[in-house]
PDB file of N, CA and C in Angstrom:
ATOM      1  N   MET A   1     -10.883 156.766 160.884  1.00  0.00           N
ATOM      2  CA  MET A   1      -9.987 157.832 160.691  1.00  0.00           C
ATOM      3  C   MET A   1      -8.446 157.168 161.145  1.00  0.00           C
ATOM      4  N   LEU A   2      -7.421 157.378 160.520  1.00  0.00           N
ATOM      5  CA  LEU A   2      -6.289 157.016 160.828  1.00  0.00           C
ATOM      6  C   LEU A   2      -5.633 157.825 161.961  1.00  0.00           C
ATOM      7  N   GLU A   3      -5.362 156.950 163.111  1.00  0.00           N
ATOM      8  CA  GLU A   3      -4.120 157.176 164.668  1.00  0.00           C
ATOM      9  C   GLU A   3      -2.931 157.677 163.899  1.00  0.00           C
ATOM     10  N   ARG A   4      -2.419 158.716 164.160  1.00  0.00           N
ATOM     11  CA  ARG A   4      -0.768 159.037 163.839  1.00  0.00           C
ATOM     12  C   ARG A   4      -0.269 159.082 165.337  1.00  0.00           C
ATOM     13  N   SER A   5       0.936 158.151 165.267  1.00  0.00           N
ATOM     14  CA  SER A   5       1.421 158.285 166.524  1.00  0.00           C
ATOM     15  C   SER A   5       3.072 158.794 166.146  1.00  0.00           C
ATOM     16  N   ARG A   6       3.594 159.304 167.385  1.00  0.00           N
ATOM     17  CA  ARG A   6       5.093 159.601 167.006  1.00  0.00           C
ATOM     18  C   ARG A   6       6.367 158.275 167.485  1.00  0.00           C
ATOM     19  N   VAL A   7       6.927 158.594 166.690  1.00  0.00           N
ATOM     20  CA  VAL A   7       8.205 157.210 166.978  1.00  0.00           C
ATOM     21  C   VAL A   7       9.289 157.955 167.153  1.00  0.00           C
ATOM     22  N   GLY A   8       9.936 157.544 168.206  1.00  0.00           N
ATOM     23  CA  GLY A   8      11.355 157.838 168.611  1.00  0.00           C
ATOM     24  C   GLY A   8      12.320 157.366 167.825  1.00  0.00           C
ATOM     25  N   PRO A   9      13.911 158.351 167.813  1.00  0.00           N
ATOM     26  CA  PRO A   9      14.730 157.863 166.521  1.00  0.00           C
ATOM     27  C   PRO A   9      15.156 156.696 167.331  1.00  0.00           C
ATOM     28  N   GLY A  10      15.351 155.391 165.983  1.00  0.00           N
ATOM     29  CA  GLY A  10      15.747 154.427 166.382  1.00  0.00           C
ATOM     30  C   GLY A  10      14.545 153.433 166.708  1.00  0.00           C
ATOM     31  N   GLU A  11      13.273 153.516 166.681  1.00  0.00           N
ATOM     32  CA  GLU A  11      12.825 152.817 167.195  1.00  0.00           C
ATOM     33  C   GLU A  11      11.790 152.325 165.527  1.00  0.00           C
ATOM     34  N   PRO A  12      11.681 151.034 165.625  1.00  0.00           N
ATOM     35  CA  PRO A  12      10.848 150.542 164.424  1.00  0.00           C
ATOM     36  C   PRO A  12       9.433 151.414 164.498  1.00  0.00           C
ATOM     37  N   LEU A  13       9.254 151.552 162.802  1.00  0.00           N
ATOM     38  CA  LEU A  13       7.327 151.818 162.910  1.00  0.00           C
ATOM     39  C   LEU A  13       6.764 150.513 162.708  1.00  0.00           C
ATOM     40  N   SER A  14       5.630 150.614 163.440  1.00  0.00           N
ATOM     41  CA  SER A  14       4.690 149.561 163.423  1.00  0.00           C
ATOM     42  C   SER A  14       3.743 149.683 161.985  1.00  0.00           C
ATOM     43  N   ASN A  15       3.896 148.520 161.439  1.00  0.00           N
ATOM     44  CA  ASN A  15       2.750 148.848 160.106  1.00  0.00           C
ATOM     45  C   ASN A  15       2.727 146.976 160.019  1.00  0.00           C
ATOM     46  N   ALA A  16       1.269 147.142 159.650  1.00  0.00           N
ATOM     47  CA  ALA A  16       0.632 145.556 159.883  1.00  0.00           C
ATOM     48  C   ALA A  16       1.117 144.750 158.417  1.00  0.00           C
ATOM     49  N   MET A  17       1.683 145.311 157.579  1.00  0.00           N
ATOM     50  CA  MET A  17       2.329 145.073 156.224  1.00  0.00           C
ATOM     51  C   MET A  17       3.615 144.682 156.418  1.00  0.00           C
ATOM     52  N   ALA A  18       4.448 145.278 157.257  1.00  0.00           N
ATOM     53  CA  ALA A  18       5.681 145.217 156.981  1.00  0.00           C
ATOM     54  C   ALA A  18       6.175 143.556 156.914  1.00  0.00           C
ATOM     55  N   GLY A  19       7.283 143.497 156.188  1.00  0.00           N
ATOM     56  CA  GLY A  19       7.871 141.713 156.110  1.00  0.00           C
ATOM     57  C   GLY A  19       6.875 141.066 154.981  1.00  0.00           C
ATOM     58  N   ARG A  20       6.033 141.630 154.785  1.00  0.00           N
ATOM     59  CA  ARG A  20       5.166 140.881 153.636  1.00  0.00           C
ATOM     60  C   ARG A  20       5.051 141.625 152.307  1.00  0.00           C
ATOM     61  N   PRO A  21       6.377 141.254 151.436  1.00  0.00           N
ATOM     62  CA  PRO A  21       6.255 141.910 150.231  1.00  0.00           C
ATOM     63  C   PRO A  21       4.857 141.566 149.215  1.00  0.00           C
ATOM     64  N   GLN A  22       4.502 142.627 148.209  1.00  0.00           N
ATOM     65  CA  GLN A  22       3.549 142.097 147.755  1.00  0.00           C
ATOM     66  C   GLN A  22       4.128 141.209 146.512  1.00  0.00           C
ATOM     67  N   GLY A  23       3.197 140.624 146.083  1.00  0.00           N
ATOM     68  CA  GLY A  23       3.582 139.632 144.946  1.00  0.00           C
ATOM     69  C   GLY A  23       4.464 140.083 143.770  1.00  0.00           C
ATOM     70  N   GLY A  24       3.928 140.915 143.361  1.00  0.00           N
ATOM     71  CA  GLY A  24       5.075 141.556 142.036  1.00  0.00           C
ATOM     72  C   GLY A  24       6.449 141.836 142.951  1.00  0.00           C
ATOM     73  N   ALA A  25       6.651 142.525 143.850  1.00  0.00           N
ATOM     74  CA  ALA A  25       7.925 142.882 144.738  1.00  0.00           C
ATOM     75  C   ALA A  25       8.544 141.512 144.603  1.00  0.00           C
ATOM     76  N   ALA A  26       7.719 140.191 145.051  1.00  0.00           N
ATOM     77  CA  ALA A  26       9.042 139.357 145.057  1.00  0.00           C
ATOM     78  C   ALA A  26       9.560 138.606 143.837  1.00  0.00           C
ATOM     79  N   GLY A  27       9.226 139.174 142.566  1.00  0.00           N
ATOM     80  CA  GLY A  27       9.601 138.610 141.358  1.00  0.00           C
ATOM     81  C   GLY A  27      10.305 139.819 140.161  1.00  0.00           C
ATOM     82  N   ARG A  28      10.240 140.971 140.839  1.00  0.00           N
ATOM     83  CA  ARG A  28      11.311 141.820 140.669  1.00  0.00           C
ATOM     84  C   ARG A  28      12.379 141.389 140.246  1.00  0.00           C
ATOM     85  N   VAL A  29      13.162 140.804 141.632  1.00  0.00           N
ATOM     86  CA  VAL A  29      14.765 140.263 140.859  1.00  0.00           C
ATOM     87  C   VAL A  29      14.978 139.707 139.916  1.00  0.00           C
ATOM     88  N   PHE A  30      14.087 138.851 139.723  1.00  0.00           N
ATOM     89  CA  PHE A  30      14.142 138.027 138.464  1.00  0.00           C
ATOM     90  C   PHE A  30      14.123 138.722 137.456  1.00  0.00           C
ATOM     91  N   LEU A  31      13.202 139.310 137.271  1.00  0.00           N
ATOM     92  CA  LEU A  31      12.868 140.258 136.256  1.00  0.00           C
ATOM     93  C   LEU A  31      14.486 141.198 135.913  1.00  0.00           C
ATOM     94  N   LEU A  32      14.911 141.246 136.851  1.00  0.00           N
ATOM     95  CA  LEU A  32      16.044 142.682 136.803  1.00  0.00           C
ATOM     96  C   LEU A  32      17.030 141.698 136.351  1.00  0.00           C
ATOM     97  N   ILE A  33      17.402 140.478 136.893  1.00  0.00           N
ATOM     98  CA  ILE A  33      18.241 139.629 136.553  1.00  0.00           C
ATOM     99  C   ILE A  33      18.131 139.187 134.873  1.00  0.00           C
ATOM    100  N   GLN A  34      16.584 139.047 134.544  1.00  0.00           N
ATOM    101  CA  GLN A  34      16.539 138.407 133.354  1.00  0.00           C
ATOM    102  C   GLN A  34      16.875 139.283 132.055  1.00  0.00           C
ATOM    103  N   SER A  35      16.576 140.623 132.686  1.00  0.00           N
ATOM    104  CA  SER A  35      16.841 141.829 131.488  1.00  0.00           C
ATOM    105  C   SER A  35      18.419 142.210 131.566  1.00  0.00           C
ATOM    106  N   ALA A  36      19.103 142.080 132.788  1.00  0.00           N
ATOM    107  CA  ALA A  36      20.693 142.571 132.753  1.00  0.00           C
ATOM    108  C   ALA A  36      21.493 141.386 132.032  1.00  0.00           C
ATOM    109  N   VAL A  37      20.955 139.976 132.092  1.00  0.00           N
ATOM    110  CA  VAL A  37      21.607 139.077 131.290  1.00  0.00           C
ATOM    111  C   VAL A  37      21.239 138.263 130.064  1.00  0.00           C
ATOM    112  N   GLY A  38      19.926 139.216 129.751  1.00  0.00           N
ATOM    113  CA  GLY A  38      19.241 138.788 128.422  1.00  0.00           C
ATOM    114  C   GLY A  38      18.685 137.348 128.225  1.00  0.00           C
ATOM    115  N   LEU A  39      18.261 136.828 129.275  1.00  0.00           N
ATOM    116  CA  LEU A  39      17.635 135.579 128.673  1.00  0.00           C
ATOM    117  C   LEU A  39      16.018 135.989 129.019  1.00  0.00           C
ATOM    118  N   GLU A  40      15.508 134.823 127.774  1.00  0.00           N
ATOM    119  CA  GLU A  40      14.570 134.710 127.301  1.00  0.00           C
ATOM    120  C   GLU A  40      14.023 133.363 127.681  1.00  0.00           C
ATOM    121  N   VAL A  41      12.923 132.941 128.565  1.00  0.00           N
ATOM    122  CA  VAL A  41      13.058 131.582 128.675  1.00  0.00           C
ATOM    123  C   VAL A  41      11.651 130.968 127.676  1.00  0.00           C
ATOM    124  N   ASP A  42      11.796 130.155 127.150  1.00  0.00           N
ATOM    125  CA  ASP A  42      10.728 128.875 126.316  1.00  0.00           C
ATOM    126  C   ASP A  42      10.363 127.854 126.927  1.00  0.00           C
ATOM    127  N   ALA A  43       9.185 127.554 127.719  1.00  0.00           N
ATOM    128  CA  ALA A  43       9.266 126.404 128.433  1.00  0.00           C
ATOM    129  C   ALA A  43       9.014 125.597 127.779  1.00  0.00           C
ATOM    130  N   GLY A  44       8.427 125.968 126.398  1.00  0.00           N
ATOM    131  CA  GLY A  44       7.343 124.648 125.539  1.00  0.00           C
ATOM    132  C   GLY A  44       8.594 124.178 124.994  1.00  0.00           C
ATOM    133  N   THR A  45       9.804 124.439 124.426  1.00  0.00           N
ATOM    134  CA  THR A  45      10.745 123.926 123.970  1.00  0.00           C
ATOM    135  C   THR A  45      12.246 123.450 124.711  1.00  0.00           C
ATOM    136  N   HIS A  46      11.915 123.689 126.112  1.00  0.00           N
ATOM    137  CA  HIS A  46      12.684 123.753 127.306  1.00  0.00           C
ATOM    138  C   HIS A  46      14.329 124.390 126.939  1.00  0.00           C
ATOM    139  N   ARG A  47      13.852 125.550 126.504  1.00  0.00           N
ATOM    140  CA  ARG A  47      15.140 126.330 125.882  1.00  0.00           C
ATOM    141  C   ARG A  47      15.176 127.885 126.607  1.00  0.00           C
ATOM    142  N   ALA A  48      16.334 128.522 127.151  1.00  0.00           N
ATOM    143  CA  ALA A  48      16.660 129.933 127.275  1.00  0.00           C
ATOM    144  C   ALA A  48      17.640 130.315 126.680  1.00  0.00           C
ATOM    145  N   THR A  49      16.942 131.576 125.889  1.00  0.00           N
ATOM    146  CA  THR A  49      18.151 132.069 125.077  1.00  0.00           C
ATOM    147  C   THR A  49      18.571 133.280 125.616  1.00  0.00           C
ATOM    148  N   SER A  50      19.790 133.348 125.299  1.00  0.00           N
ATOM    149  CA  SER A  50      20.819 134.627 125.306  1.00  0.00           C
ATOM    150  C   SER A  50      21.154 135.644 124.580  1.00  0.00           C
ATOM    151  N   SER A  51      20.770 136.714 124.345  1.00  0.00           N
ATOM    152  CA  SER A  51      21.129 137.808 123.391  1.00  0.00           C
ATOM    153  C   SER A  51      21.541 138.891 124.205  1.00  0.00           C
ATOM    154  N   GLY A  52      22.861 139.000 124.266  1.00  0.00           N
ATOM    155  CA  GLY A  52      23.656 140.238 124.486  1.00  0.00           C
ATOM    156  C   GLY A  52      23.489 140.372 126.054  1.00  0.00           C
ATOM    157  N   ALA A  53      24.205 139.161 126.836  1.00  0.00           N
ATOM    158  CA  ALA A  53      24.458 139.140 128.352  1.00  0.00           C
ATOM    159  C   ALA A  53      25.601 140.336 128.626  1.00  0.00           C
ATOM    160  N   VAL A  54      25.075 140.823 129.799  1.00  0.00           N
ATOM    161  CA  VAL A  54      25.903 142.089 130.303  1.00  0.00           C
ATOM    162  C   VAL A  54      26.261 142.072 131.186  1.00  0.00           C
ATOM    163  N   VAL A  55      27.712 141.826 131.747  1.00  0.00           N
ATOM    164  CA  VAL A  55      27.784 141.525 133.610  1.00  0.00           C
ATOM    165  C   VAL A  55      28.419 142.683 133.624  1.00  0.00           C
ATOM    166  N   PRO A  56      27.780 143.753 134.931  1.00  0.00           N
ATOM    167  CA  PRO A  56      28.442 145.214 135.346  1.00  0.00           C
ATOM    168  C   PRO A  56      29.731 144.708 135.295  1.00  0.00           C
ATOM    169  N   GLN A  57      30.785 146.196 135.198  1.00  0.00           N
ATOM    170  CA  GLN A  57      32.340 145.743 135.439  1.00  0.00           C
ATOM    171  C   GLN A  57      32.153 145.889 136.716  1.00  0.00           C
ATOM    172  N   TRP A  58      31.745 146.058 137.978  1.00  0.00           N
ATOM    173  CA  TRP A  58      31.959 145.662 139.315  1.00  0.00           C
ATOM    174  C   TRP A  58      31.466 144.473 139.528  1.00  0.00           C
ATOM    175  N   LEU A  59      31.386 143.342 138.873  1.00  0.00           N
ATOM    176  CA  LEU A  59      30.627 142.374 139.233  1.00  0.00           C
ATOM    177  C   LEU A  59      31.503 141.228 137.842  1.00  0.00           C
ATOM    178  N   ASP A  60      32.325 140.265 138.428  1.00  0.00           N
ATOM    179  CA  ASP A  60      33.153 139.307 137.628  1.00  0.00           C
ATOM    180  C   ASP A  60      32.151 138.236 137.081  1.00  0.00           C
ATOM    181  N   ASP A  61      31.332 137.764 137.942  1.00  0.00           N
ATOM    182  CA  ASP A  61      30.373 136.711 137.190  1.00  0.00           C
ATOM    183  C   ASP A  61      29.098 136.654 137.933  1.00  0.00           C
ATOM    184  N   ILE A  62      28.101 136.308 137.382  1.00  0.00           N
ATOM    185  CA  ILE A  62      26.418 135.536 138.165  1.00  0.00           C
ATOM    186  C   ILE A  62      26.369 134.306 138.088  1.00  0.00           C
ATOM    187  N   ASP A  63      25.719 133.715 139.177  1.00  0.00           N
ATOM    188  CA  ASP A  63      25.690 132.297 139.179  1.00  0.00           C
ATOM    189  C   ASP A  63      24.329 132.435 139.204  1.00  0.00           C
ATOM    190  N   ILE A  64      23.374 131.575 138.307  1.00  0.00           N
ATOM    191  CA  ILE A  64      22.215 131.353 138.590  1.00  0.00           C
ATOM    192  C   ILE A  64      21.961 129.718 138.859  1.00  0.00           C
ATOM    193  N   ARG A  65      21.352 129.358 139.940  1.00  0.00           N
ATOM    194  CA  ARG A  65      21.117 128.107 140.176  1.00  0.00           C
ATOM    195  C   ARG A  65      20.006 127.431 140.206  1.00  0.00           C
ATOM    196  N   GLY A  66      19.548 126.426 139.791  1.00  0.00           N
ATOM    197  CA  GLY A  66      18.232 125.838 139.948  1.00  0.00           C
ATOM    198  C   GLY A  66      17.292 126.378 139.386  1.00  0.00           C
ATOM    199  N   MET A  67      17.676 126.918 138.047  1.00  0.00           N
ATOM    200  CA  MET A  67      16.710 127.899 137.298  1.00  0.00           C
ATOM    201  C   MET A  67      15.799 126.463 136.495  1.00  0.00           C
ATOM    202  N   GLN A  68      14.484 126.783 136.996  1.00  0.00           N
ATOM    203  CA  GLN A  68      13.521 125.741 136.721  1.00  0.00           C
ATOM    204  C   GLN A  68      12.703 126.019 134.761  1.00  0.00           C
ATOM    205  N   ILE A  69      12.948 124.876 134.239  1.00  0.00           N
ATOM    206  CA  ILE A  69      12.311 125.552 132.775  1.00  0.00           C
ATOM    207  C   ILE A  69      11.376 124.379 132.678  1.00  0.00           C
ATOM    208  N   ASP A  70       9.928 124.707 132.775  1.00  0.00           N
ATOM    209  CA  ASP A  70       9.351 123.490 132.727  1.00  0.00           C
ATOM    210  C   ASP A  70       9.245 121.779 133.597  1.00  0.00           C
ATOM    211  N   GLY A  71       9.423 122.324 134.684  1.00  0.00           N
ATOM    212  CA  GLY A  71      10.089 121.149 135.510  1.00  0.00           C
ATOM    213  C   GLY A  71      11.547 120.997 135.673  1.00  0.00           C
ATOM    214  N   GLU A  72      12.479 121.230 134.474  1.00  0.00           N
ATOM    215  CA  GLU A  72      13.858 120.661 134.391  1.00  0.00           C
ATOM    216  C   GLU A  72      14.718 122.055 134.989  1.00  0.00           C
ATOM    217  N   ARG A  73      16.089 121.481 135.298  1.00  0.00           N
ATOM    218  CA  ARG A  73      16.576 122.502 136.348  1.00  0.00           C
ATOM    219  C   ARG A  73      17.659 122.537 135.400  1.00  0.00           C
ATOM    220  N   ILE A  74      18.467 123.842 135.385  1.00  0.00           N
ATOM    221  CA  ILE A  74      19.580 124.279 134.918  1.00  0.00           C
ATOM    222  C   ILE A  74      20.315 125.258 136.098  1.00  0.00           C
ATOM    223  N   ASP A  75      21.854 125.213 135.745  1.00  0.00           N
ATOM    224  CA  ASP A  75      22.573 126.137 136.550  1.00  0.00           C
ATOM    225  C   ASP A  75      23.525 126.683 135.711  1.00  0.00           C
ATOM    226  N   VAL A  76      23.760 128.186 135.683  1.00  0.00           N
ATOM    227  CA  VAL A  76      24.650 128.644 134.587  1.00  0.00           C
ATOM    228  C   VAL A  76      25.429 129.794 135.071  1.00  0.00           C
ATOM    229  N   ARG A  77      26.333 129.854 134.682  1.00  0.00           N
ATOM    230  CA  ARG A  77      27.693 131.054 135.421  1.00  0.00           C
ATOM    231  C   ARG A  77      27.374 132.044 134.162  1.00  0.00           C
ATOM    232  N   ILE A  78      27.714 132.987 134.131  1.00  0.00           N
ATOM    233  CA  ILE A  78      27.299 134.202 133.034  1.00  0.00           C
ATOM    234  C   ILE A  78      28.872 135.112 133.760  1.00  0.00           C
ATOM    235  N   ARG A  79      29.836 134.953 133.041  1.00  0.00           N
ATOM    236  CA  ARG A  79      31.021 135.463 133.152  1.00  0.00           C
ATOM    237  C   ARG A  79      31.374 136.696 132.369  1.00  0.00           C
ATOM    238  N   ARG A  80      31.988 137.957 132.866  1.00  0.00           N
ATOM    239  CA  ARG A  80      32.247 138.989 132.145  1.00  0.00           C
ATOM    240  C   ARG A  80      33.663 138.856 131.336  1.00  0.00           C
ATOM    241  N   GLY A  81      33.689 139.603 130.227  1.00  0.00           N
ATOM    242  CA  GLY A  81      35.409 139.119 129.574  1.00  0.00           C
ATOM    243  C   GLY A  81      35.481 140.484 129.193  1.00  0.00           C
ATOM    244  N   GLY A  82      36.545 140.753 128.138  1.00  0.00           N
ATOM    245  CA  GLY A  82      37.030 141.405 127.611  1.00  0.00           C
ATOM    246  C   GLY A  82      36.204 141.660 126.036  1.00  0.00           C
ATOM    247  N   ARG A  83      35.570 141.034 125.843  1.00  0.00           N
ATOM    248  CA  ARG A  83      34.796 141.388 124.361  1.00  0.00           C
ATOM    249  C   ARG A  83      33.072 140.897 124.844  1.00  0.00           C
ATOM    250  N   GLY A  84      33.202 141.103 125.911  1.00  0.00           N
ATOM    251  CA  GLY A  84      31.509 140.945 126.242  1.00  0.00           C
ATOM    252  C   GLY A  84      31.188 139.533 127.311  1.00  0.00           C
ATOM    253  N   SER A  85      30.359 138.876 127.626  1.00  0.00           N
ATOM    254  CA  SER A  85      30.127 137.787 128.398  1.00  0.00           C
ATOM    255  C   SER A  85      29.917 136.665 127.972  1.00  0.00           C
ATOM    256  N   ALA A  86      30.267 135.362 128.592  1.00  0.00           N
ATOM    257  CA  ALA A  86      30.179 133.996 128.657  1.00  0.00           C
ATOM    258  C   ALA A  86      29.580 133.384 129.466  1.00  0.00           C
ATOM    259  N   ILE A  87      28.594 132.143 128.637  1.00  0.00           N
ATOM    260  CA  ILE A  87      27.525 131.738 129.474  1.00  0.00           C
ATOM    261  C   ILE A  87      28.110 130.005 129.685  1.00  0.00           C
ATOM    262  N   GLU A  88      28.320 129.866 131.046  1.00  0.00           N
ATOM    263  CA  GLU A  88      28.720 128.137 131.199  1.00  0.00           C
ATOM    264  C   GLU A  88      27.912 127.330 131.718  1.00  0.00           C
ATOM    265  N   VAL A  89      27.365 126.224 131.285  1.00  0.00           N
ATOM    266  CA  VAL A  89      26.416 125.561 132.294  1.00  0.00           C
ATOM    267  C   VAL A  89      27.070 124.850 132.982  1.00  0.00           C
ATOM    268  N   LEU A  90      26.662 124.716 134.066  1.00  0.00           N
ATOM    269  CA  LEU A  90      27.482 124.210 135.348  1.00  0.00           C
ATOM    270  C   LEU A  90      26.807 122.893 136.274  1.00  0.00           C
ATOM    271  N   GLY A  91      25.508 122.969 135.553  1.00  0.00           N
ATOM    272  CA  GLY A  91      24.816 121.635 135.561  1.00  0.00           C
ATOM    273  C   GLY A  91      23.130 121.560 135.120  1.00  0.00           C
ATOM    274  N   ARG A  92      22.873 120.432 134.958  1.00  0.00           N
ATOM    275  CA  ARG A  92      21.517 120.591 134.116  1.00  0.00           C
ATOM    276  C   ARG A  92      20.946 118.697 134.518  1.00  0.00           C
ATOM    277  N   SER A  93      19.518 118.764 134.773  1.00  0.00           N
ATOM    278  CA  SER A  93      18.812 117.768 134.630  1.00  0.00           C
ATOM    279  C   SER A  93      17.552 118.044 133.395  1.00  0.00           C
ATOM    280  N   GLY A  94      17.674 116.715 132.856  1.00  0.00           N
ATOM    281  CA  GLY A  94      16.917 116.836 131.755  1.00  0.00           C
ATOM    282  C   GLY A  94      17.387 117.238 130.492  1.00  0.00           C
ATOM    283  N   ASP A  95      16.347 117.863 129.413  1.00  0.00           N
ATOM    284  CA  ASP A  95      17.300 118.274 128.331  1.00  0.00           C
ATOM    285  C   ASP A  95      17.099 119.624 127.847  1.00  0.00           C
ATOM    286  N   VAL A  96      16.972 120.465 128.928  1.00  0.00           N
ATOM    287  CA  VAL A  96      16.893 121.950 128.799  1.00  0.00           C
ATOM    288  C   VAL A  96      18.302 122.177 128.525  1.00  0.00           C
ATOM    289  N   GLU A  97      17.823 123.772 127.731  1.00  0.00           N
ATOM    290  CA  GLU A  97      19.474 123.972 126.976  1.00  0.00           C
ATOM    291  C   GLU A  97      19.159 125.721 127.094  1.00  0.00           C
ATOM    292  N   ILE A  98      20.731 126.182 126.985  1.00  0.00           N
ATOM    293  CA  ILE A  98      20.852 127.455 127.024  1.00  0.00           C
ATOM    294  C   ILE A  98      21.283 127.685 125.741  1.00  0.00           C
ATOM    295  N   LEU A  99      20.680 128.527 124.422  1.00  0.00           N
ATOM    296  CA  LEU A  99      21.017 129.214 123.237  1.00  0.00           C
ATOM    297  C   LEU A  99      21.596 130.482 123.606  1.00  0.00           C
ATOM    298  N   VAL A 100      22.763 130.542 122.770  1.00  0.00           N
ATOM    299  CA  VAL A 100      23.418 132.069 123.013  1.00  0.00           C
ATOM    300  C   VAL A 100      23.068 132.763 121.531  1.00  0.00           C
ATOM    301  N   GLY A 101      22.520 133.644 121.336  1.00  0.00           N
ATOM    302  CA  GLY A 101      22.253 134.770 120.343  1.00  0.00           C
ATOM    303  C   GLY A 101      23.196 136.086 119.991  1.00  0.00           C
ATOM    304  N   LYS A 102      23.192 136.694 118.986  1.00  0.00           N
ATOM    305  CA  LYS A 102      23.443 137.921 119.042  1.00  0.00           C
ATOM    306  C   LYS A 102      22.663 138.911 118.923  1.00  0.00           C
TER     307      LYS A 102
END
């Protein structure tokens, strides 16, 4: 049987799982960014393809640093513009590349 206890205002609730995000929760931020900027990663070809990257109006740009594709790294900046978004490669290791499609 579960025991219920009352917690006063401003007191933290005791929970054995607090501070331990579930595995799916840890990856959701990356799925959110992936869907927002339209990135699809293909590790076999060392490529990331962007189709229709959209940066919200309240944000000028998004920097993604240290994105790894099959052990190689790439740093990119996705910048909002008047006619859509632009992707700039800031740095890379190996032959990983970003392809921009429509």
